[in-house]
């Protein structure tokens, strides 16, 4: 590899602000904010709106809301008709 053409690849802490969960991985992201991690070292901090810890696809909430929506849609269409008989 050529020197000085690649970005620095080091540990960074990401915080999911929707569920306040943090995780440390290696990345090329830069940040002016820092945080002290469990090992006592200071790392750059990147705040995220959503991650796999809070995303509905990974938490399983997406399927539940889809099925509830389908039941509500069915009752909206056909619920009144069955009551008139």
Protein backbone atom coordinates (compact mmCIF):
# COMPACT_ATOMS: atom_id res chain seq x y z
CA UNK A 1 0.00 0.00 0.00
CA UNK A 2 1.11 3.52 -0.68
CA UNK A 3 1.73 5.70 2.35
CA UNK A 4 -0.48 8.69 3.20
CA UNK A 5 -3.26 8.01 0.67
CA UNK A 6 -5.48 5.86 2.90
CA UNK A 7 -7.60 7.21 5.78
CA UNK A 8 -6.78 6.23 9.36
CA UNK A 9 -8.56 3.01 10.36
CA UNK A 10 -8.94 2.85 14.12
CA UNK A 11 -11.49 2.12 16.86
CA UNK A 12 -14.55 4.37 17.06
CA UNK A 13 -17.54 4.20 19.44
CA UNK A 14 -21.01 4.45 17.87
CA UNK A 15 -24.03 5.38 20.04
CA UNK A 16 -27.60 4.65 18.96
CA UNK A 17 -29.49 7.64 20.38
CA UNK A 18 -32.93 6.00 20.07
CA UNK A 19 -32.11 3.19 22.53
CA UNK A 20 -28.89 4.60 24.10
CA UNK A 21 -26.81 1.55 23.16
CA UNK A 22 -23.11 1.89 22.34
CA UNK A 23 -20.70 -0.35 20.46
CA UNK A 24 -17.04 -0.09 19.49
CA UNK A 25 -15.79 -1.07 16.06
CA UNK A 26 -12.99 -0.08 13.72
CA UNK A 27 -13.88 2.61 11.22
CA UNK A 28 -12.49 5.51 9.20
CA UNK A 29 -15.13 7.93 10.59
CA UNK A 30 -13.88 11.08 12.29
CA UNK A 31 -15.56 12.98 15.13
CA UNK A 32 -14.79 15.90 17.41
CA UNK A 33 -16.74 14.26 20.28
CA UNK A 34 -15.01 11.66 22.46
CA UNK A 35 -16.08 9.10 25.05
CA UNK A 36 -14.23 6.99 27.63
CA UNK A 37 -14.91 3.31 26.88
CA UNK A 38 -15.04 0.40 29.35
CA UNK A 39 -11.31 -0.25 28.96
CA UNK A 40 -10.50 3.28 30.19
CA UNK A 41 -9.30 4.57 26.81
CA UNK A 42 -10.80 7.58 25.02
CA UNK A 43 -12.31 7.02 21.57
CA UNK A 44 -14.11 9.24 19.04
CA UNK A 45 -17.91 9.15 19.41
CA UNK A 46 -20.37 8.99 16.49
CA UNK A 47 -24.08 9.41 17.29
CA UNK A 48 -26.54 7.43 15.15
CA UNK A 49 -30.31 7.83 14.79
CA UNK A 50 -30.85 4.12 14.24
CA UNK A 51 -28.78 0.94 14.28
CA UNK A 52 -29.36 -2.81 14.31
CA UNK A 53 -30.20 -2.52 18.02
CA UNK A 54 -33.28 -0.39 17.32
CA UNK A 55 -34.17 -1.05 13.66
CA UNK A 56 -37.54 -2.85 13.33
CA UNK A 57 -36.22 -5.38 10.81
CA UNK A 58 -33.57 -6.64 13.23
CA UNK A 59 -35.67 -6.43 16.41
CA UNK A 60 -38.67 -8.30 14.93
CA UNK A 61 -41.14 -5.47 15.48
CA UNK A 62 -41.73 -4.98 11.76
CA UNK A 63 -43.60 -8.26 11.36
CA UNK A 64 -45.80 -7.59 14.36
CA UNK A 65 -46.86 -4.16 13.13
CA UNK A 66 -47.52 -5.49 9.64
CA UNK A 67 -49.82 -8.24 10.93
CA UNK A 68 -51.63 -5.83 13.24
CA UNK A 69 -52.10 -3.48 10.30
CA UNK A 70 -53.50 -6.25 8.14
CA UNK A 71 -56.01 -7.30 10.81
CA UNK A 72 -57.11 -3.70 11.26
CA UNK A 73 -57.43 -3.28 7.50
CA UNK A 74 -59.51 -6.48 7.25
CA UNK A 75 -61.81 -5.34 10.07
CA UNK A 76 -62.17 -1.95 8.43
CA UNK A 77 -63.23 -3.54 5.14
CA UNK A 78 -65.32 -6.49 6.27
CA UNK A 79 -66.00 -6.01 9.98
CA UNK A 80 -69.09 -3.85 9.49
CA UNK A 81 -70.62 -6.23 6.94
CA UNK A 82 -70.54 -9.20 9.29
CA UNK A 83 -72.32 -7.20 12.02
CA UNK A 84 -75.27 -6.27 9.74
CA UNK A 85 -76.39 -9.89 9.17
